[in-house]
Every structure is written in structure tokens, then in C-alpha cells.
Amino acid sequence: MNYTPNHHLPQWVKSDRIRMEDFNQMNKDIEAGLDAAGSKANAAQSAAQAAQSAAAAKPYAVGTYTGTGALQSIHLGFKPSLVIISGATAAMSPDSFDAMLFMGMTGGKTLKNRCAFTATGFNVYASSTISPSYPYLNEEGRTYEYIAFK
């Protein structure tokens, strides 16, 4: 009798004597393998659910997005009450006007036409749709960091 290389399951050839014990053992081996795979899948699913629960328990979310220059939706999974966004880079002096061009904070009304809250996150608008006033929160190619509070 031949066996499969990975799981040692029987592969009969025409001259083999077929025995019930071989079938029973094969089925036990298959079941044990399926149980082990199911346990691993359940453990991975439990870990993912625990991570989601921990994230959902936080009163805030942090993340990044890259500006597109066009209307862009940032998904948080909740409607924020306050969002702080920074597109400042290490090359900018923290007390320079340049850094202020790419930093904003809103409780929902302060940055009209730059950032708006949605039921599941917030939108940042294209810089071309607003007057040349600042801050710019969606400059194409610029990486922005944010913290959004529930």
C-alpha cells in the first residue's frame, strides 16, 4: 500500500488487500486533522474578536491616511465628537507657519469645508474646493495622522 506524503493517508493499488482497519484509521486521522485545523481557526477568530473588542472599548481611534487632493472618507466605525489631524513633517519647524498649514482640530463645525463628520468617521475635502485659507487636510501625497474621539 502507498501513502500520501503529507498526511500518510492510504493509497491503494490494485494488488492491495483492502481492510476495514485501514479505512477506520484513515477516517480517524482525517478527523484529527480537521479538529486541529478547526481549533487553530477558532483560536485565530477568538484573537481577532478580542482585538476588535479592545479597540471598540477605547474612547478614541488613531490612524493615518494619505491625501488624495479629492474628497476622501476616513472610516472609524463611529461618529467622532472631536478629530485632531496633523500633516506636519519632521522637516517643518513646530513653531513655523508652514506646520500650521497642515494641522487642524474640529468638534464638527470649526473646519467647515475642510473636514466633516459622518456616521462612521469623517470626510476630508479637496483643497481646490475651498478658498486659499488653511489648514490643508488632504494635500495629494501628504501623509496625515489623526486621533478621533468618540
N, C-alpha and C. Protein backbone atom coordinates (compact mmCIF):
# COMPACT_ATOMS: atom_id res chain seq x y z
N MET A 1 0.85 -1.17 0.00
CA MET A 1 0.00 0.00 0.00
C MET A 1 0.90 1.23 0.00
N ASN A 2 0.47 2.24 -0.74
CA ASN A 2 1.17 3.52 -0.77
C ASN A 2 0.44 4.50 0.16
N TYR A 3 1.15 5.58 0.55
CA TYR A 3 0.55 6.58 1.44
C TYR A 3 0.82 7.98 0.87
N THR A 4 -0.09 8.87 1.16
CA THR A 4 0.11 10.26 0.73
C THR A 4 1.29 10.84 1.51
N PRO A 5 2.07 11.76 0.87
CA PRO A 5 3.30 12.25 1.51
C PRO A 5 3.06 13.17 2.71
N ASN A 6 2.00 13.95 2.72
CA ASN A 6 1.82 14.94 3.78
C ASN A 6 1.05 14.42 4.99
N HIS A 7 0.06 13.57 4.77
CA HIS A 7 -0.82 13.15 5.88
C HIS A 7 -0.87 11.64 6.09
N HIS A 8 -0.06 10.92 5.35
CA HIS A 8 0.05 9.48 5.50
C HIS A 8 -1.31 8.77 5.39
N LEU A 9 -2.09 9.17 4.40
CA LEU A 9 -3.37 8.52 4.15
C LEU A 9 -3.14 7.40 3.13
N PRO A 10 -3.85 6.29 3.27
CA PRO A 10 -3.60 5.15 2.37
C PRO A 10 -4.01 5.43 0.93
N GLN A 11 -3.19 4.93 0.04
CA GLN A 11 -3.45 4.99 -1.40
C GLN A 11 -3.31 3.56 -1.92
N TRP A 12 -4.45 2.91 -2.12
CA TRP A 12 -4.41 1.52 -2.51
C TRP A 12 -4.07 1.37 -3.98
N VAL A 13 -3.39 0.28 -4.24
CA VAL A 13 -3.15 -0.13 -5.63
C VAL A 13 -3.94 -1.41 -5.86
N LYS A 14 -4.09 -1.79 -7.10
CA LYS A 14 -4.97 -2.91 -7.47
C LYS A 14 -4.62 -4.20 -6.73
N SER A 15 -3.35 -4.44 -6.46
CA SER A 15 -2.95 -5.70 -5.83
C SER A 15 -3.11 -5.69 -4.30
N ASP A 16 -3.44 -4.54 -3.67
CA ASP A 16 -3.58 -4.46 -2.21
C ASP A 16 -4.84 -5.15 -1.73
N ARG A 17 -4.71 -5.72 -0.55
CA ARG A 17 -5.87 -6.30 0.12
C ARG A 17 -6.53 -5.14 0.89
N ILE A 18 -7.78 -4.88 0.66
CA ILE A 18 -8.49 -3.78 1.31
C ILE A 18 -9.02 -4.29 2.65
N ARG A 19 -8.62 -3.56 3.72
CA ARG A 19 -9.02 -3.96 5.06
C ARG A 19 -9.81 -2.85 5.75
N MET A 20 -10.78 -3.23 6.52
CA MET A 20 -11.63 -2.28 7.24
C MET A 20 -10.77 -1.44 8.20
N GLU A 21 -9.77 -2.03 8.83
CA GLU A 21 -8.93 -1.32 9.79
C GLU A 21 -8.23 -0.13 9.13
N ASP A 22 -7.82 -0.32 7.87
CA ASP A 22 -7.14 0.77 7.15
C ASP A 22 -8.10 1.94 6.93
N PHE A 23 -9.34 1.64 6.55
CA PHE A 23 -10.34 2.71 6.36
C PHE A 23 -10.64 3.42 7.67
N ASN A 24 -10.82 2.65 8.72
CA ASN A 24 -11.13 3.25 10.02
C ASN A 24 -10.00 4.16 10.50
N GLN A 25 -8.76 3.70 10.36
CA GLN A 25 -7.62 4.51 10.78
C GLN A 25 -7.52 5.78 9.93
N MET A 26 -7.75 5.63 8.64
CA MET A 26 -7.71 6.80 7.75
C MET A 26 -8.74 7.83 8.19
N ASN A 27 -9.95 7.39 8.50
CA ASN A 27 -11.00 8.32 8.93
C ASN A 27 -10.66 8.97 10.27
N LYS A 28 -10.04 8.23 11.19
CA LYS A 28 -9.60 8.82 12.46
C LYS A 28 -8.55 9.90 12.22
N ASP A 29 -7.61 9.61 11.31
CA ASP A 29 -6.56 10.58 11.00
C ASP A 29 -7.15 11.84 10.36
N ILE A 30 -8.09 11.66 9.46
CA ILE A 30 -8.74 12.81 8.82
C ILE A 30 -9.48 13.65 9.85
N GLU A 31 -10.23 12.98 10.73
CA GLU A 31 -10.98 13.71 11.76
C GLU A 31 -10.04 14.47 12.70
N ALA A 32 -8.95 13.84 13.09
CA ALA A 32 -7.99 14.51 13.97
C ALA A 32 -7.40 15.75 13.28
N GLY A 33 -7.11 15.63 12.01
CA GLY A 33 -6.59 16.77 11.25
C GLY A 33 -7.61 17.89 11.14
N LEU A 34 -8.86 17.53 10.89
CA LEU A 34 -9.92 18.55 10.81
C LEU A 34 -10.14 19.23 12.15
N ASP A 35 -10.09 18.44 13.23
CA ASP A 35 -10.24 19.03 14.57
C ASP A 35 -9.11 20.01 14.87
N ALA A 36 -7.89 19.63 14.53
CA ALA A 36 -6.74 20.51 14.77
C ALA A 36 -6.87 21.80 13.96
N ALA A 37 -7.28 21.67 12.70
CA ALA A 37 -7.45 22.86 11.86
C ALA A 37 -8.57 23.74 12.40
N GLY A 38 -9.64 23.12 12.86
CA GLY A 38 -10.75 23.88 13.44
C GLY A 38 -10.35 24.61 14.71
N SER A 39 -9.53 23.95 15.53
CA SER A 39 -9.05 24.58 16.76
C SER A 39 -8.19 25.79 16.45
N LYS A 40 -7.32 25.68 15.44
CA LYS A 40 -6.48 26.81 15.04
C LYS A 40 -7.35 27.95 14.51
N ALA A 41 -8.34 27.63 13.70
CA ALA A 41 -9.23 28.66 13.14
C ALA A 41 -10.02 29.33 14.26
N ASN A 42 -10.51 28.55 15.21
CA ASN A 42 -11.25 29.12 16.34
C ASN A 42 -10.36 30.02 17.19
N ALA A 43 -9.11 29.61 17.40
CA ALA A 43 -8.19 30.43 18.19
C ALA A 43 -7.90 31.73 17.47
N ALA A 44 -7.70 31.67 16.15
CA ALA A 44 -7.45 32.89 15.38
C ALA A 44 -8.67 33.81 15.41
N GLN A 45 -9.86 33.23 15.28
CA GLN A 45 -11.08 34.02 15.32
C GLN A 45 -11.28 34.66 16.70
N SER A 46 -10.99 33.92 17.75
CA SER A 46 -11.11 34.46 19.11
C SER A 46 -10.13 35.60 19.32
N ALA A 47 -8.92 35.45 18.82
CA ALA A 47 -7.92 36.52 18.96
C ALA A 47 -8.36 37.76 18.20
N ALA A 48 -8.92 37.59 17.00
CA ALA A 48 -9.39 38.73 16.22
C ALA A 48 -10.56 39.42 16.92
N GLN A 49 -11.47 38.64 17.50
CA GLN A 49 -12.60 39.22 18.22
C GLN A 49 -12.13 39.96 19.46
N ALA A 50 -11.13 39.43 20.14
CA ALA A 50 -10.60 40.10 21.33
C ALA A 50 -9.95 41.43 20.95
N ALA A 51 -9.23 41.44 19.83
CA ALA A 51 -8.60 42.68 19.37
C ALA A 51 -9.66 43.70 18.99
N GLN A 52 -10.73 43.26 18.32
CA GLN A 52 -11.82 44.16 17.96
C GLN A 52 -12.50 44.71 19.21
N SER A 53 -12.72 43.87 20.20
CA SER A 53 -13.36 44.31 21.43
C SER A 53 -12.49 45.33 22.16
N ALA A 54 -11.18 45.09 22.18
CA ALA A 54 -10.27 46.03 22.84
C ALA A 54 -10.29 47.37 22.12
N ALA A 55 -10.29 47.33 20.77
CA ALA A 55 -10.32 48.58 20.01
C ALA A 55 -11.65 49.29 20.21
N ALA A 56 -12.74 48.53 20.26
CA ALA A 56 -14.05 49.14 20.44
C ALA A 56 -14.20 49.74 21.83
N ALA A 57 -13.47 49.22 22.80
CA ALA A 57 -13.56 49.71 24.17
C ALA A 57 -12.84 51.04 24.35
N LYS A 58 -11.88 51.34 23.47
CA LYS A 58 -11.16 52.60 23.57
C LYS A 58 -12.09 53.75 23.20
N PRO A 59 -11.94 54.88 23.88
CA PRO A 59 -12.79 56.02 23.55
C PRO A 59 -12.25 56.85 22.39
N TYR A 60 -11.28 56.31 21.67
CA TYR A 60 -10.67 57.04 20.57
C TYR A 60 -10.13 56.05 19.54
N ALA A 61 -9.77 56.57 18.37
CA ALA A 61 -9.10 55.79 17.34
C ALA A 61 -7.97 56.65 16.79
N VAL A 62 -6.85 56.03 16.49
CA VAL A 62 -5.74 56.74 15.87
C VAL A 62 -5.43 56.07 14.55
N GLY A 63 -4.88 56.83 13.63
CA GLY A 63 -4.53 56.25 12.35
C GLY A 63 -3.88 57.26 11.44
N THR A 64 -3.68 56.85 10.21
CA THR A 64 -3.09 57.71 9.19
C THR A 64 -3.90 57.58 7.90
N TYR A 65 -3.77 58.56 7.06
CA TYR A 65 -4.28 58.49 5.70
C TYR A 65 -3.36 59.31 4.82
N THR A 66 -3.35 58.99 3.55
CA THR A 66 -2.56 59.75 2.59
C THR A 66 -3.50 60.62 1.79
N GLY A 67 -3.18 61.91 1.72
CA GLY A 67 -4.01 62.85 1.00
C GLY A 67 -4.11 62.48 -0.47
N THR A 68 -5.30 62.69 -1.02
CA THR A 68 -5.54 62.40 -2.43
C THR A 68 -5.79 63.67 -3.23
N GLY A 69 -6.08 64.77 -2.55
CA GLY A 69 -6.44 66.00 -3.25
C GLY A 69 -7.90 66.01 -3.66
N ALA A 70 -8.62 64.92 -3.41
CA ALA A 70 -10.05 64.81 -3.73
C ALA A 70 -10.80 64.42 -2.47
N LEU A 71 -12.11 64.58 -2.48
CA LEU A 71 -12.91 64.19 -1.32
C LEU A 71 -12.55 62.77 -0.91
N GLN A 72 -12.32 62.59 0.37
CA GLN A 72 -11.89 61.29 0.88
C GLN A 72 -12.60 61.00 2.20
N SER A 73 -13.11 59.78 2.34
CA SER A 73 -13.77 59.34 3.57
C SER A 73 -12.83 58.49 4.39
N ILE A 74 -12.74 58.80 5.69
CA ILE A 74 -11.92 58.04 6.62
C ILE A 74 -12.88 57.27 7.52
N HIS A 75 -12.80 55.95 7.49
CA HIS A 75 -13.73 55.10 8.24
C HIS A 75 -13.17 54.81 9.63
N LEU A 76 -13.97 55.10 10.66
CA LEU A 76 -13.58 54.83 12.04
C LEU A 76 -14.46 53.77 12.69
N GLY A 77 -15.69 53.60 12.20
CA GLY A 77 -16.64 52.70 12.83
C GLY A 77 -17.52 53.39 13.85
N PHE A 78 -17.37 54.71 14.00
CA PHE A 78 -18.21 55.50 14.91
C PHE A 78 -18.19 56.95 14.45
N LYS A 79 -19.17 57.72 14.92
CA LYS A 79 -19.20 59.15 14.62
C LYS A 79 -18.35 59.86 15.67
N PRO A 80 -17.31 60.57 15.26
CA PRO A 80 -16.45 61.22 16.24
C PRO A 80 -17.10 62.47 16.83
N SER A 81 -16.62 62.84 18.00
CA SER A 81 -17.03 64.10 18.60
C SER A 81 -15.93 65.14 18.47
N LEU A 82 -14.69 64.69 18.25
CA LEU A 82 -13.54 65.58 18.10
C LEU A 82 -12.49 64.86 17.28
N VAL A 83 -11.90 65.55 16.30
CA VAL A 83 -10.83 64.99 15.49
C VAL A 83 -9.67 65.98 15.46
N ILE A 84 -8.47 65.47 15.67
CA ILE A 84 -7.25 66.26 15.55
C ILE A 84 -6.44 65.62 14.43
N ILE A 85 -6.03 66.42 13.45
CA ILE A 85 -5.33 65.93 12.27
C ILE A 85 -4.02 66.71 12.14
N SER A 86 -2.94 66.00 11.81
CA SER A 86 -1.66 66.65 11.56
C SER A 86 -1.02 66.08 10.31
N GLY A 87 -0.61 66.97 9.43
CA GLY A 87 0.16 66.59 8.25
C GLY A 87 1.55 67.16 8.32
N ALA A 88 1.93 67.64 9.51
CA ALA A 88 3.26 68.21 9.69
C ALA A 88 4.32 67.12 9.53
N THR A 89 5.47 67.52 9.04
CA THR A 89 6.57 66.57 8.85
C THR A 89 7.74 66.97 9.74
N ALA A 90 8.69 66.06 9.87
CA ALA A 90 9.86 66.32 10.71
C ALA A 90 10.69 67.48 10.16
N ALA A 91 10.58 67.75 8.85
CA ALA A 91 11.36 68.82 8.24
C ALA A 91 10.82 70.20 8.61
N MET A 92 9.59 70.25 9.14
CA MET A 92 8.98 71.54 9.48
C MET A 92 9.34 71.91 10.92
N SER A 93 9.59 73.17 11.11
CA SER A 93 9.79 73.65 12.47
C SER A 93 8.43 73.69 13.16
N PRO A 94 8.31 73.13 14.36
CA PRO A 94 6.99 73.05 15.01
C PRO A 94 6.36 74.41 15.29
N ASP A 95 7.17 75.46 15.35
CA ASP A 95 6.60 76.78 15.62
C ASP A 95 6.49 77.65 14.36
N SER A 96 6.69 77.04 13.19
CA SER A 96 6.60 77.81 11.95
C SER A 96 5.17 77.82 11.41
N PHE A 97 4.89 78.80 10.58
CA PHE A 97 3.58 78.90 9.95
C PHE A 97 3.35 77.70 9.03
N ASP A 98 4.40 77.19 8.40
CA ASP A 98 4.27 76.05 7.48
C ASP A 98 3.63 74.85 8.17
N ALA A 99 4.01 74.59 9.43
CA ALA A 99 3.44 73.46 10.15
C ALA A 99 1.95 73.67 10.37
N MET A 100 1.52 74.90 10.58
CA MET A 100 0.12 75.20 10.82
C MET A 100 -0.74 75.00 9.57
N LEU A 101 -0.13 75.02 8.40
CA LEU A 101 -0.88 74.82 7.17
C LEU A 101 -1.52 73.43 7.10
N PHE A 102 -0.93 72.48 7.84
CA PHE A 102 -1.34 71.08 7.71
C PHE A 102 -1.80 70.48 9.04
N MET A 103 -2.31 71.31 9.95
CA MET A 103 -2.79 70.82 11.23
C MET A 103 -4.16 71.40 11.50
N GLY A 104 -5.07 70.57 11.96
CA GLY A 104 -6.41 71.06 12.26
C GLY A 104 -7.07 70.28 13.37
N MET A 105 -8.02 70.91 14.04
CA MET A 105 -8.79 70.28 15.09
C MET A 105 -10.23 70.74 14.93
N THR A 106 -11.17 69.82 15.03
CA THR A 106 -12.57 70.20 14.90
C THR A 106 -13.46 69.39 15.81
N GLY A 107 -14.45 70.06 16.32
CA GLY A 107 -15.51 69.40 17.08
C GLY A 107 -16.73 69.23 16.20
N GLY A 108 -16.56 69.40 14.90
CA GLY A 108 -17.63 69.19 13.94
C GLY A 108 -18.03 70.41 13.16
N LYS A 109 -17.76 71.61 13.66
CA LYS A 109 -18.18 72.81 12.94
C LYS A 109 -17.03 73.75 12.63
N THR A 110 -15.94 73.67 13.35
CA THR A 110 -14.86 74.63 13.22
C THR A 110 -14.21 74.61 11.84
N LEU A 111 -14.06 73.45 11.22
CA LEU A 111 -13.35 73.34 9.96
C LEU A 111 -14.30 73.04 8.81
N LYS A 112 -15.35 73.79 8.70
CA LYS A 112 -16.34 73.61 7.64
C LYS A 112 -15.64 73.66 6.28
N ASN A 113 -16.01 72.79 5.39
CA ASN A 113 -15.45 72.64 4.04
C ASN A 113 -14.01 72.12 4.04
N ARG A 114 -13.51 71.67 5.17
CA ARG A 114 -12.21 71.03 5.24
C ARG A 114 -12.32 69.63 5.81
N CYS A 115 -13.19 69.48 6.81
CA CYS A 115 -13.40 68.20 7.48
C CYS A 115 -14.84 68.16 7.98
N ALA A 116 -15.54 67.06 7.71
CA ALA A 116 -16.92 66.91 8.18
C ALA A 116 -17.10 65.52 8.74
N PHE A 117 -17.85 65.43 9.83
CA PHE A 117 -18.10 64.14 10.45
C PHE A 117 -19.19 63.38 9.70
N THR A 118 -19.05 62.06 9.69
CA THR A 118 -20.07 61.18 9.14
C THR A 118 -20.49 60.23 10.25
N ALA A 119 -21.48 59.40 9.97
CA ALA A 119 -21.95 58.43 10.97
C ALA A 119 -20.87 57.41 11.33
N THR A 120 -19.90 57.19 10.44
CA THR A 120 -18.89 56.17 10.68
C THR A 120 -17.46 56.70 10.62
N GLY A 121 -17.28 58.01 10.64
CA GLY A 121 -15.93 58.56 10.57
C GLY A 121 -15.94 60.02 10.22
N PHE A 122 -15.08 60.39 9.24
CA PHE A 122 -15.05 61.77 8.80
C PHE A 122 -14.59 61.85 7.36
N ASN A 123 -14.96 62.95 6.71
CA ASN A 123 -14.52 63.24 5.35
C ASN A 123 -13.52 64.38 5.39
N VAL A 124 -12.53 64.33 4.50
CA VAL A 124 -11.65 65.46 4.27
C VAL A 124 -11.86 65.87 2.82
N TYR A 125 -11.91 67.18 2.60
CA TYR A 125 -12.27 67.71 1.30
C TYR A 125 -11.05 68.06 0.47
N ALA A 126 -11.28 68.19 -0.82
CA ALA A 126 -10.23 68.59 -1.74
C ALA A 126 -9.84 70.03 -1.46
N SER A 127 -8.54 70.31 -1.49
CA SER A 127 -8.06 71.66 -1.24
C SER A 127 -8.60 72.64 -2.28
N SER A 128 -8.86 72.18 -3.50
CA SER A 128 -9.32 73.08 -4.55
C SER A 128 -10.77 73.51 -4.35
N THR A 129 -11.52 72.83 -3.47
CA THR A 129 -12.92 73.20 -3.26
C THR A 129 -13.08 74.28 -2.21
N ILE A 130 -11.97 74.68 -1.61
CA ILE A 130 -12.04 75.71 -0.58
C ILE A 130 -11.22 76.90 -0.99
N SER A 131 -11.43 78.00 -0.33
CA SER A 131 -10.62 79.19 -0.59
C SER A 131 -9.19 78.91 -0.15
N PRO A 132 -8.28 79.79 -0.48
CA PRO A 132 -6.89 79.51 -0.11
C PRO A 132 -6.62 79.68 1.39
N SER A 133 -7.64 79.58 2.20
CA SER A 133 -7.41 79.62 3.64
C SER A 133 -7.03 78.23 4.12
N TYR A 134 -6.49 78.17 5.30
CA TYR A 134 -5.90 76.95 5.81
C TYR A 134 -6.71 76.42 6.96
N PRO A 135 -6.54 75.21 7.40
CA PRO A 135 -5.49 74.26 7.07
C PRO A 135 -5.85 73.37 5.88
N TYR A 136 -4.82 72.82 5.24
CA TYR A 136 -5.00 71.82 4.20
C TYR A 136 -4.95 70.45 4.87
N LEU A 137 -6.02 69.68 4.72
CA LEU A 137 -6.10 68.38 5.39
C LEU A 137 -6.17 67.21 4.41
N ASN A 138 -5.91 67.50 3.11
CA ASN A 138 -5.99 66.44 2.13
C ASN A 138 -5.09 66.73 0.93
N GLU A 139 -3.91 67.27 1.19
CA GLU A 139 -2.99 67.57 0.11
C GLU A 139 -2.49 66.26 -0.50
N GLU A 140 -2.54 66.19 -1.81
CA GLU A 140 -2.17 64.95 -2.51
C GLU A 140 -0.75 64.51 -2.14
N GLY A 141 -0.64 63.23 -1.73
CA GLY A 141 0.64 62.62 -1.43
C GLY A 141 1.14 62.85 -0.01
N ARG A 142 0.53 63.74 0.73
CA ARG A 142 0.98 64.02 2.11
C ARG A 142 0.35 63.01 3.06
N THR A 143 1.13 62.49 3.99
CA THR A 143 0.61 61.57 5.00
C THR A 143 0.14 62.37 6.20
N TYR A 144 -1.08 62.09 6.62
CA TYR A 144 -1.69 62.75 7.76
C TYR A 144 -1.89 61.73 8.89
N GLU A 145 -1.71 62.17 10.11
CA GLU A 145 -2.01 61.36 11.28
C GLU A 145 -3.22 61.98 11.97
N TYR A 146 -4.04 61.14 12.58
CA TYR A 146 -5.21 61.69 13.27
C TYR A 146 -5.48 60.92 14.57
N ILE A 147 -6.18 61.59 15.45
CA ILE A 147 -6.78 60.95 16.61
C ILE A 147 -8.22 61.44 16.63
N ALA A 148 -9.14 60.50 16.71
CA ALA A 148 -10.57 60.82 16.69
C ALA A 148 -11.20 60.26 17.97
N PHE A 149 -11.92 61.11 18.67
CA PHE A 149 -12.54 60.72 19.92
C PHE A 149 -14.02 60.42 19.71
N LYS A 150 -14.52 59.42 20.44
CA LYS A 150 -15.94 59.05 20.35
C LYS A 150 -16.79 60.13 20.98
